[in-house]
mmCIF file of all heavy atoms, coordinates in Angstrom:
data_MODEL
# 
_entry.id   MODEL 
# 
loop_
_atom_site.group_PDB 
_atom_site.id 
_atom_site.type_symbol 
_atom_site.label_atom_id 
_atom_site.label_alt_id 
_atom_site.label_comp_id 
_atom_site.label_asym_id 
_atom_site.label_entity_id 
_atom_site.label_seq_id 
_atom_site.pdbx_PDB_ins_code 
_atom_site.Cartn_x 
_atom_site.Cartn_y 
_atom_site.Cartn_z 
_atom_site.occupancy 
_atom_site.B_iso_or_equiv 
_atom_site.pdbx_formal_charge 
_atom_site.auth_seq_id 
_atom_site.auth_comp_id 
_atom_site.auth_asym_id 
_atom_site.auth_atom_id 
_atom_site.pdbx_PDB_model_num 
ATOM 1   N N   . TRP A 1 1  ? 44.878 14.257 158.326 1.00 0.00 ? 1  TRP A N   1 
ATOM 2   C CA  . TRP A 1 1  ? 43.814 13.672 159.115 1.00 0.00 ? 1  TRP A CA  1 
ATOM 3   C C   . TRP A 1 1  ? 44.066 13.836 160.615 1.00 0.00 ? 1  TRP A C   1 
ATOM 4   O O   . TRP A 1 1  ? 43.166 13.547 161.432 1.00 0.00 ? 1  TRP A O   1 
ATOM 5   C CB  . TRP A 1 1  ? 43.656 12.195 158.801 1.00 0.00 ? 1  TRP A CB  1 
ATOM 6   C CG  . TRP A 1 1  ? 43.524 11.947 157.349 1.00 0.00 ? 1  TRP A CG  1 
ATOM 7   C CD1 . TRP A 1 1  ? 44.306 11.134 156.560 1.00 0.00 ? 1  TRP A CD1 1 
ATOM 8   C CD2 . TRP A 1 1  ? 42.516 12.474 156.436 1.00 0.00 ? 1  TRP A CD2 1 
ATOM 9   N NE1 . TRP A 1 1  ? 43.906 11.153 155.276 1.00 0.00 ? 1  TRP A NE1 1 
ATOM 10  C CE2 . TRP A 1 1  ? 42.803 11.948 155.149 1.00 0.00 ? 1  TRP A CE2 1 
ATOM 11  C CE3 . TRP A 1 1  ? 41.447 13.344 156.596 1.00 0.00 ? 1  TRP A CE3 1 
ATOM 12  C CZ2 . TRP A 1 1  ? 42.035 12.304 154.029 1.00 0.00 ? 1  TRP A CZ2 1 
ATOM 13  C CZ3 . TRP A 1 1  ? 40.688 13.670 155.485 1.00 0.00 ? 1  TRP A CZ3 1 
ATOM 14  C CH2 . TRP A 1 1  ? 40.998 13.165 154.233 1.00 0.00 ? 1  TRP A CH2 1 
ATOM 15  N N   . PHE A 1 2  ? 45.262 14.316 161.003 1.00 0.00 ? 2  PHE A N   1 
ATOM 16  C CA  . PHE A 1 2  ? 45.588 14.474 162.411 1.00 0.00 ? 2  PHE A CA  1 
ATOM 17  C C   . PHE A 1 2  ? 45.397 15.932 162.844 1.00 0.00 ? 2  PHE A C   1 
ATOM 18  O O   . PHE A 1 2  ? 45.487 16.831 162.020 1.00 0.00 ? 2  PHE A O   1 
ATOM 19  C CB  . PHE A 1 2  ? 47.028 14.035 162.688 1.00 0.00 ? 2  PHE A CB  1 
ATOM 20  C CG  . PHE A 1 2  ? 47.284 12.591 162.333 1.00 0.00 ? 2  PHE A CG  1 
ATOM 21  C CD1 . PHE A 1 2  ? 47.890 12.251 161.146 1.00 0.00 ? 2  PHE A CD1 1 
ATOM 22  C CD2 . PHE A 1 2  ? 46.853 11.583 163.184 1.00 0.00 ? 2  PHE A CD2 1 
ATOM 23  C CE1 . PHE A 1 2  ? 48.136 10.939 160.820 1.00 0.00 ? 2  PHE A CE1 1 
ATOM 24  C CE2 . PHE A 1 2  ? 47.075 10.232 162.844 1.00 0.00 ? 2  PHE A CE2 1 
ATOM 25  C CZ  . PHE A 1 2  ? 47.720 9.934  161.667 1.00 0.00 ? 2  PHE A CZ  1 
ATOM 26  N N   . GLY A 1 3  ? 45.135 16.134 164.125 1.00 0.00 ? 3  GLY A N   1 
ATOM 27  C CA  . GLY A 1 3  ? 44.922 17.467 164.630 1.00 0.00 ? 3  GLY A CA  1 
ATOM 28  C C   . GLY A 1 3  ? 43.468 17.759 164.919 1.00 0.00 ? 3  GLY A C   1 
ATOM 29  O O   . GLY A 1 3  ? 42.611 16.866 164.904 1.00 0.00 ? 3  GLY A O   1 
ATOM 30  N N   . ASN A 1 4  ? 43.171 19.031 165.114 1.00 0.00 ? 4  ASN A N   1 
ATOM 31  C CA  . ASN A 1 4  ? 41.800 19.466 165.434 1.00 0.00 ? 4  ASN A CA  1 
ATOM 32  C C   . ASN A 1 4  ? 40.871 19.103 164.295 1.00 0.00 ? 4  ASN A C   1 
ATOM 33  O O   . ASN A 1 4  ? 41.018 19.568 163.164 1.00 0.00 ? 4  ASN A O   1 
ATOM 34  C CB  . ASN A 1 4  ? 41.831 20.985 165.669 1.00 0.00 ? 4  ASN A CB  1 
ATOM 35  C CG  . ASN A 1 4  ? 40.484 21.505 166.138 1.00 0.00 ? 4  ASN A CG  1 
ATOM 36  O OD1 . ASN A 1 4  ? 39.452 20.867 165.961 1.00 0.00 ? 4  ASN A OD1 1 
ATOM 37  N ND2 . ASN A 1 4  ? 40.497 22.688 166.733 1.00 0.00 ? 4  ASN A ND2 1 
ATOM 38  N N   . PRO A 1 5  ? 39.829 18.264 164.566 1.00 0.00 ? 5  PRO A N   1 
ATOM 39  C CA  . PRO A 1 5  ? 38.928 17.889 163.474 1.00 0.00 ? 5  PRO A CA  1 
ATOM 40  C C   . PRO A 1 5  ? 38.149 19.061 162.888 1.00 0.00 ? 5  PRO A C   1 
ATOM 41  O O   . PRO A 1 5  ? 37.753 19.046 161.726 1.00 0.00 ? 5  PRO A O   1 
ATOM 42  C CB  . PRO A 1 5  ? 37.986 16.889 164.138 1.00 0.00 ? 5  PRO A CB  1 
ATOM 43  C CG  . PRO A 1 5  ? 38.092 17.145 165.580 1.00 0.00 ? 5  PRO A CG  1 
ATOM 44  C CD  . PRO A 1 5  ? 39.483 17.622 165.840 1.00 0.00 ? 5  PRO A CD  1 
ATOM 45  N N   . PHE A 1 6  ? 37.925 20.095 163.681 1.00 0.00 ? 6  PHE A N   1 
ATOM 46  C CA  . PHE A 1 6  ? 37.201 21.256 163.196 1.00 0.00 ? 6  PHE A CA  1 
ATOM 47  C C   . PHE A 1 6  ? 38.049 22.096 162.203 1.00 0.00 ? 6  PHE A C   1 
ATOM 48  O O   . PHE A 1 6  ? 37.494 22.886 161.433 1.00 0.00 ? 6  PHE A O   1 
ATOM 49  C CB  . PHE A 1 6  ? 36.759 22.149 164.347 1.00 0.00 ? 6  PHE A CB  1 
ATOM 50  C CG  . PHE A 1 6  ? 35.783 21.491 165.273 1.00 0.00 ? 6  PHE A CG  1 
ATOM 51  C CD1 . PHE A 1 6  ? 36.183 20.996 166.512 1.00 0.00 ? 6  PHE A CD1 1 
ATOM 52  C CD2 . PHE A 1 6  ? 34.453 21.319 164.891 1.00 0.00 ? 6  PHE A CD2 1 
ATOM 53  C CE1 . PHE A 1 6  ? 35.256 20.364 167.362 1.00 0.00 ? 6  PHE A CE1 1 
ATOM 54  C CE2 . PHE A 1 6  ? 33.536 20.692 165.730 1.00 0.00 ? 6  PHE A CE2 1 
ATOM 55  C CZ  . PHE A 1 6  ? 33.956 20.195 166.927 1.00 0.00 ? 6  PHE A CZ  1 
ATOM 56  N N   . ALA A 1 7  ? 39.341 21.851 162.244 1.00 0.00 ? 7  ALA A N   1 
ATOM 57  C CA  . ALA A 1 7  ? 40.235 22.573 161.304 1.00 0.00 ? 7  ALA A CA  1 
ATOM 58  C C   . ALA A 1 7  ? 40.518 21.752 160.073 1.00 0.00 ? 7  ALA A C   1 
ATOM 59  O O   . ALA A 1 7  ? 41.280 22.199 159.180 1.00 0.00 ? 7  ALA A O   1 
ATOM 60  C CB  . ALA A 1 7  ? 41.551 22.907 161.996 1.00 0.00 ? 7  ALA A CB  1 
ATOM 61  N N   . LEU A 1 8  ? 39.906 20.571 159.940 1.00 0.00 ? 8  LEU A N   1 
ATOM 62  C CA  . LEU A 1 8  ? 40.147 19.707 158.776 1.00 0.00 ? 8  LEU A CA  1 
ATOM 63  C C   . LEU A 1 8  ? 39.784 20.381 157.476 1.00 0.00 ? 8  LEU A C   1 
ATOM 64  O O   . LEU A 1 8  ? 40.568 20.319 156.495 1.00 0.00 ? 8  LEU A O   1 
ATOM 65  C CB  . LEU A 1 8  ? 39.382 18.386 158.940 1.00 0.00 ? 8  LEU A CB  1 
ATOM 66  C CG  . LEU A 1 8  ? 39.526 17.402 157.746 1.00 0.00 ? 8  LEU A CG  1 
ATOM 67  C CD1 . LEU A 1 8  ? 40.985 17.037 157.517 1.00 0.00 ? 8  LEU A CD1 1 
ATOM 68  C CD2 . LEU A 1 8  ? 38.692 16.168 157.992 1.00 0.00 ? 8  LEU A CD2 1 
ATOM 69  N N   . PRO A 1 9  ? 38.633 21.050 157.341 1.00 0.00 ? 9  PRO A N   1 
ATOM 70  C CA  . PRO A 1 9  ? 38.318 21.721 156.105 1.00 0.00 ? 9  PRO A CA  1 
ATOM 71  C C   . PRO A 1 9  ? 39.394 22.708 155.665 1.00 0.00 ? 9  PRO A C   1 
ATOM 72  O O   . PRO A 1 9  ? 39.731 22.785 154.475 1.00 0.00 ? 9  PRO A O   1 
ATOM 73  C CB  . PRO A 1 9  ? 36.976 22.402 156.358 1.00 0.00 ? 9  PRO A CB  1 
ATOM 74  C CG  . PRO A 1 9  ? 36.337 21.588 157.436 1.00 0.00 ? 9  PRO A CG  1 
ATOM 75  C CD  . PRO A 1 9  ? 37.494 21.170 158.301 1.00 0.00 ? 9  PRO A CD  1 
ATOM 76  N N   . ALA A 1 10 ? 39.953 23.433 156.614 1.00 0.00 ? 10 ALA A N   1 
ATOM 77  C CA  . ALA A 1 10 ? 41.002 24.386 156.291 1.00 0.00 ? 10 ALA A CA  1 
ATOM 78  C C   . ALA A 1 10 ? 42.257 23.686 155.808 1.00 0.00 ? 10 ALA A C   1 
ATOM 79  O O   . ALA A 1 10 ? 42.939 24.112 154.865 1.00 0.00 ? 10 ALA A O   1 
ATOM 80  C CB  . ALA A 1 10 ? 41.300 25.279 157.494 1.00 0.00 ? 10 ALA A CB  1 
ATOM 81  N N   . ARG A 1 11 ? 42.574 22.565 156.455 1.00 0.00 ? 11 ARG A N   1 
ATOM 82  C CA  . ARG A 1 11 ? 43.789 21.808 156.051 1.00 0.00 ? 11 ARG A CA  1 
ATOM 83  C C   . ARG A 1 11 ? 43.609 21.232 154.639 1.00 0.00 ? 11 ARG A C   1 
ATOM 84  O O   . ARG A 1 11 ? 44.545 21.233 153.833 1.00 0.00 ? 11 ARG A O   1 
ATOM 85  C CB  . ARG A 1 11 ? 44.081 20.681 157.057 1.00 0.00 ? 11 ARG A CB  1 
ATOM 86  C CG  . ARG A 1 11 ? 44.501 21.190 158.447 1.00 0.00 ? 11 ARG A CG  1 
ATOM 87  C CD  . ARG A 1 11 ? 45.141 20.088 159.258 1.00 0.00 ? 11 ARG A CD  1 
ATOM 88  N NE  . ARG A 1 11 ? 44.258 18.987 159.569 1.00 0.00 ? 11 ARG A NE  1 
ATOM 89  C CZ  . ARG A 1 11 ? 43.475 18.928 160.645 1.00 0.00 ? 11 ARG A CZ  1 
ATOM 90  N NH1 . ARG A 1 11 ? 43.451 19.942 161.494 1.00 0.00 ? 11 ARG A NH1 1 
ATOM 91  N NH2 . ARG A 1 11 ? 42.719 17.874 160.885 1.00 0.00 ? 11 ARG A NH2 1 
ATOM 92  N N   . LEU A 1 12 ? 42.407 20.736 154.362 1.00 0.00 ? 12 LEU A N   1 
ATOM 93  C CA  . LEU A 1 12 ? 42.142 20.195 153.019 1.00 0.00 ? 12 LEU A CA  1 
ATOM 94  C C   . LEU A 1 12 ? 42.213 21.319 151.971 1.00 0.00 ? 12 LEU A C   1 
ATOM 95  O O   . LEU A 1 12 ? 42.724 21.099 150.871 1.00 0.00 ? 12 LEU A O   1 
ATOM 96  C CB  . LEU A 1 12 ? 40.756 19.550 152.985 1.00 0.00 ? 12 LEU A CB  1 
ATOM 97  C CG  . LEU A 1 12 ? 40.612 18.223 153.769 1.00 0.00 ? 12 LEU A CG  1 
ATOM 98  C CD1 . LEU A 1 12 ? 39.159 17.799 153.809 1.00 0.00 ? 12 LEU A CD1 1 
ATOM 99  C CD2 . LEU A 1 12 ? 41.494 17.131 153.177 1.00 0.00 ? 12 LEU A CD2 1 
ATOM 100 N N   . SER A 1 13 ? 41.704 22.483 152.323 1.00 0.00 ? 13 SER A N   1 
ATOM 101 C CA  . SER A 1 13 ? 41.745 23.593 151.407 1.00 0.00 ? 13 SER A CA  1 
ATOM 102 C C   . SER A 1 13 ? 43.159 24.012 151.115 1.00 0.00 ? 13 SER A C   1 
ATOM 103 O O   . SER A 1 13 ? 43.528 24.262 149.947 1.00 0.00 ? 13 SER A O   1 
ATOM 104 C CB  . SER A 1 13 ? 40.940 24.775 151.983 1.00 0.00 ? 13 SER A CB  1 
ATOM 105 O OG  . SER A 1 13 ? 41.010 25.902 151.118 1.00 0.00 ? 13 SER A OG  1 
ATOM 106 N N   . ASP A 1 14 ? 44.001 24.061 152.139 1.00 0.00 ? 14 ASP A N   1 
ATOM 107 C CA  . ASP A 1 14 ? 45.426 24.401 151.947 1.00 0.00 ? 14 ASP A CA  1 
ATOM 108 C C   . ASP A 1 14 ? 46.113 23.380 151.043 1.00 0.00 ? 14 ASP A C   1 
ATOM 109 O O   . ASP A 1 14 ? 46.950 23.743 150.232 1.00 0.00 ? 14 ASP A O   1 
ATOM 110 C CB  . ASP A 1 14 ? 46.128 24.468 153.301 1.00 0.00 ? 14 ASP A CB  1 
ATOM 111 C CG  . ASP A 1 14 ? 45.725 25.687 154.131 1.00 0.00 ? 14 ASP A CG  1 
ATOM 112 O OD1 . ASP A 1 14 ? 45.124 26.617 153.559 1.00 0.00 ? 14 ASP A OD1 1 
ATOM 113 O OD2 . ASP A 1 14 ? 45.953 25.671 155.341 1.00 0.00 ? 14 ASP A OD2 1 
ATOM 114 N N   . ALA A 1 15 ? 45.751 22.121 151.227 1.00 0.00 ? 15 ALA A N   1 
ATOM 115 C CA  . ALA A 1 15 ? 46.387 21.068 150.430 1.00 0.00 ? 15 ALA A CA  1 
ATOM 116 C C   . ALA A 1 15 ? 46.019 21.128 148.970 1.00 0.00 ? 15 ALA A C   1 
ATOM 117 O O   . ALA A 1 15 ? 46.718 20.527 148.129 1.00 0.00 ? 15 ALA A O   1 
ATOM 118 C CB  . ALA A 1 15 ? 46.030 19.707 151.017 1.00 0.00 ? 15 ALA A CB  1 
ATOM 119 N N   . ALA A 1 16 ? 44.929 21.803 148.649 1.00 0.00 ? 16 ALA A N   1 
ATOM 120 C CA  . ALA A 1 16 ? 44.467 21.870 147.278 1.00 0.00 ? 16 ALA A CA  1 
ATOM 121 C C   . ALA A 1 16 ? 44.893 23.166 146.588 1.00 0.00 ? 16 ALA A C   1 
ATOM 122 O O   . ALA A 1 16 ? 44.426 23.452 145.457 1.00 0.00 ? 16 ALA A O   1 
ATOM 123 C CB  . ALA A 1 16 ? 42.943 21.781 147.252 1.00 0.00 ? 16 ALA A CB  1 
ATOM 124 N N   . GLN A 1 17 ? 45.750 23.938 147.211 1.00 0.00 ? 17 GLN A N   1 
ATOM 125 C CA  . GLN A 1 17 ? 46.205 25.207 146.625 1.00 0.00 ? 17 GLN A CA  1 
ATOM 126 C C   . GLN A 1 17 ? 47.159 24.971 145.431 1.00 0.00 ? 17 GLN A C   1 
ATOM 127 O O   . GLN A 1 17 ? 47.795 23.887 145.331 1.00 0.00 ? 17 GLN A O   1 
ATOM 128 C CB  . GLN A 1 17 ? 46.898 26.070 147.676 1.00 0.00 ? 17 GLN A CB  1 
ATOM 129 C CG  . GLN A 1 17 ? 45.993 26.511 148.822 1.00 0.00 ? 17 GLN A CG  1 
ATOM 130 C CD  . GLN A 1 17 ? 44.817 27.331 148.321 1.00 0.00 ? 17 GLN A CD  1 
ATOM 131 O OE1 . GLN A 1 17 ? 44.978 28.283 147.554 1.00 0.00 ? 17 GLN A OE1 1 
ATOM 132 N NE2 . GLN A 1 17 ? 43.646 26.949 148.787 1.00 0.00 ? 17 GLN A NE2 1 
ATOM 133 N N   . ASP A 1 18 ? 47.270 25.952 144.575 1.00 0.00 ? 18 ASP A N   1 
ATOM 134 C CA  . ASP A 1 18 ? 48.153 25.866 143.419 1.00 0.00 ? 18 ASP A CA  1 
ATOM 135 C C   . ASP A 1 18 ? 49.592 25.543 143.830 1.00 0.00 ? 18 ASP A C   1 
ATOM 136 O O   . ASP A 1 18 ? 50.288 24.768 143.137 1.00 0.00 ? 18 ASP A O   1 
ATOM 137 C CB  . ASP A 1 18 ? 48.138 27.153 142.605 1.00 0.00 ? 18 ASP A CB  1 
ATOM 138 C CG  . ASP A 1 18 ? 46.816 27.374 141.881 1.00 0.00 ? 18 ASP A CG  1 
ATOM 139 O OD1 . ASP A 1 18 ? 45.986 26.440 141.868 1.00 0.00 ? 18 ASP A OD1 1 
ATOM 140 O OD2 . ASP A 1 18 ? 46.629 28.503 141.354 1.00 0.00 ? 18 ASP A OD2 1 
ATOM 141 N N   . SER A 1 19 ? 50.041 26.135 144.940 1.00 0.00 ? 19 SER A N   1 
ATOM 142 C CA  . SER A 1 19 ? 51.425 25.909 145.374 1.00 0.00 ? 19 SER A CA  1 
ATOM 143 C C   . SER A 1 19 ? 51.699 24.439 145.691 1.00 0.00 ? 19 SER A C   1 
ATOM 144 O O   . SER A 1 19 ? 52.738 23.907 145.326 1.00 0.00 ? 19 SER A O   1 
ATOM 145 C CB  . SER A 1 19 ? 51.717 26.783 146.601 1.00 0.00 ? 19 SER A CB  1 
ATOM 146 O OG  . SER A 1 19 ? 50.818 26.467 147.670 1.00 0.00 ? 19 SER A OG  1 
ATOM 147 N N   . GLU A 1 20 ? 50.718 23.769 146.320 1.00 0.00 ? 20 GLU A N   1 
ATOM 148 C CA  . GLU A 1 20 ? 50.882 22.349 146.618 1.00 0.00 ? 20 GLU A CA  1 
ATOM 149 C C   . GLU A 1 20 ? 50.805 21.519 145.354 1.00 0.00 ? 20 GLU A C   1 
ATOM 150 O O   . GLU A 1 20 ? 51.558 20.535 145.201 1.00 0.00 ? 20 GLU A O   1 
ATOM 151 C CB  . GLU A 1 20 ? 49.835 21.881 147.641 1.00 0.00 ? 20 GLU A CB  1 
ATOM 152 C CG  . GLU A 1 20 ? 49.864 20.388 147.915 1.00 0.00 ? 20 GLU A CG  1 
ATOM 153 C CD  . GLU A 1 20 ? 51.158 19.878 148.472 1.00 0.00 ? 20 GLU A CD  1 
ATOM 154 O OE1 . GLU A 1 20 ? 52.006 20.659 148.930 1.00 0.00 ? 20 GLU A OE1 1 
ATOM 155 O OE2 . GLU A 1 20 ? 51.381 18.632 148.425 1.00 0.00 ? 20 GLU A OE2 1 
ATOM 156 N N   . ALA A 1 21 ? 49.930 21.875 144.445 1.00 0.00 ? 21 ALA A N   1 
ATOM 157 C CA  . ALA A 1 21 ? 49.858 21.167 143.166 1.00 0.00 ? 21 ALA A CA  1 
ATOM 158 C C   . ALA A 1 21 ? 51.181 21.200 142.451 1.00 0.00 ? 21 ALA A C   1 
ATOM 159 O O   . ALA A 1 21 ? 51.644 20.216 141.871 1.00 0.00 ? 21 ALA A O   1 
ATOM 160 C CB  . ALA A 1 21 ? 48.747 21.749 142.294 1.00 0.00 ? 21 ALA A CB  1 
ATOM 161 N N   . LEU A 1 22 ? 51.854 22.361 142.475 1.00 0.00 ? 22 LEU A N   1 
ATOM 162 C CA  . LEU A 1 22 ? 53.179 22.525 141.885 1.00 0.00 ? 22 LEU A CA  1 
ATOM 163 C C   . LEU A 1 22 ? 54.203 21.666 142.607 1.00 0.00 ? 22 LEU A C   1 
ATOM 164 O O   . LEU A 1 22 ? 55.027 20.958 141.985 1.00 0.00 ? 22 LEU A O   1 
ATOM 165 C CB  . LEU A 1 22 ? 53.596 23.985 141.876 1.00 0.00 ? 22 LEU A CB  1 
ATOM 166 C CG  . LEU A 1 22 ? 54.978 24.312 141.383 1.00 0.00 ? 22 LEU A CG  1 
ATOM 167 C CD1 . LEU A 1 22 ? 55.167 23.864 139.922 1.00 0.00 ? 22 LEU A CD1 1 
ATOM 168 C CD2 . LEU A 1 22 ? 55.294 25.785 141.526 1.00 0.00 ? 22 LEU A CD2 1 
ATOM 169 N N   . HIS A 1 23 ? 54.172 21.692 143.936 1.00 0.00 ? 23 HIS A N   1 
ATOM 170 C CA  . HIS A 1 23 ? 55.131 20.915 144.745 1.00 0.00 ? 23 HIS A CA  1 
ATOM 171 C C   . HIS A 1 23 ? 54.996 19.440 144.451 1.00 0.00 ? 23 HIS A C   1 
ATOM 172 O O   . HIS A 1 23 ? 56.002 18.691 144.432 1.00 0.00 ? 23 HIS A O   1 
ATOM 173 C CB  . HIS A 1 23 ? 54.919 21.180 146.224 1.00 0.00 ? 23 HIS A CB  1 
ATOM 174 C CG  . HIS A 1 23 ? 55.637 22.383 146.739 1.00 0.00 ? 23 HIS A CG  1 
ATOM 175 N ND1 . HIS A 1 23 ? 57.022 22.540 146.603 1.00 0.00 ? 23 HIS A ND1 1 
ATOM 176 C CD2 . HIS A 1 23 ? 55.187 23.490 147.396 1.00 0.00 ? 23 HIS A CD2 1 
ATOM 177 C CE1 . HIS A 1 23 ? 57.382 23.701 147.157 1.00 0.00 ? 23 HIS A CE1 1 
ATOM 178 N NE2 . HIS A 1 23 ? 56.295 24.279 147.636 1.00 0.00 ? 23 HIS A NE2 1 
ATOM 179 N N   . ARG A 1 24 ? 53.770 18.962 144.280 1.00 0.00 ? 24 ARG A N   1 
ATOM 180 C CA  . ARG A 1 24 ? 53.572 17.544 144.020 1.00 0.00 ? 24 ARG A CA  1 
ATOM 181 C C   . ARG A 1 24 ? 54.254 17.117 142.732 1.00 0.00 ? 24 ARG A C   1 
ATOM 182 O O   . ARG A 1 24 ? 54.879 16.040 142.687 1.00 0.00 ? 24 ARG A O   1 
ATOM 183 C CB  . ARG A 1 24 ? 52.055 17.233 143.961 1.00 0.00 ? 24 ARG A CB  1 
ATOM 184 C CG  . ARG A 1 24 ? 51.391 17.305 145.318 1.00 0.00 ? 24 ARG A CG  1 
ATOM 185 C CD  . ARG A 1 24 ? 49.878 17.163 145.179 1.00 0.00 ? 24 ARG A CD  1 
ATOM 186 N NE  . ARG A 1 24 ? 49.495 15.845 144.683 1.00 0.00 ? 24 ARG A NE  1 
ATOM 187 C CZ  . ARG A 1 24 ? 49.118 14.837 145.467 1.00 0.00 ? 24 ARG A CZ  1 
ATOM 188 N NH1 . ARG A 1 24 ? 49.085 14.968 146.791 1.00 0.00 ? 24 ARG A NH1 1 
ATOM 189 N NH2 . ARG A 1 24 ? 48.757 13.660 144.948 1.00 0.00 ? 24 ARG A NH2 1 
ATOM 190 N N   . VAL A 1 25 ? 54.163 17.894 141.686 1.00 0.00 ? 25 VAL A N   1 
ATOM 191 C CA  . VAL A 1 25 ? 54.857 17.578 140.442 1.00 0.00 ? 25 VAL A CA  1 
ATOM 192 C C   . VAL A 1 25 ? 56.368 17.585 140.665 1.00 0.00 ? 25 VAL A C   1 
ATOM 193 O O   . VAL A 1 25 ? 57.090 16.688 140.189 1.00 0.00 ? 25 VAL A O   1 
ATOM 194 C CB  . VAL A 1 25 ? 54.477 18.559 139.318 1.00 0.00 ? 25 VAL A CB  1 
ATOM 195 C CG1 . VAL A 1 25 ? 55.233 18.216 138.064 1.00 0.00 ? 25 VAL A CG1 1 
ATOM 196 C CG2 . VAL A 1 25 ? 52.970 18.510 139.050 1.00 0.00 ? 25 VAL A CG2 1 
# 
C-alpha cells in the first residue's frame, strides 16, 4: 500500500504471481 499509487496495480499483480504463492506456503 506504500509508494506510488499509480504503481499499485503492478505491485498487486506481482504479489499474485506463482512465485509469491509458493513463498507464502
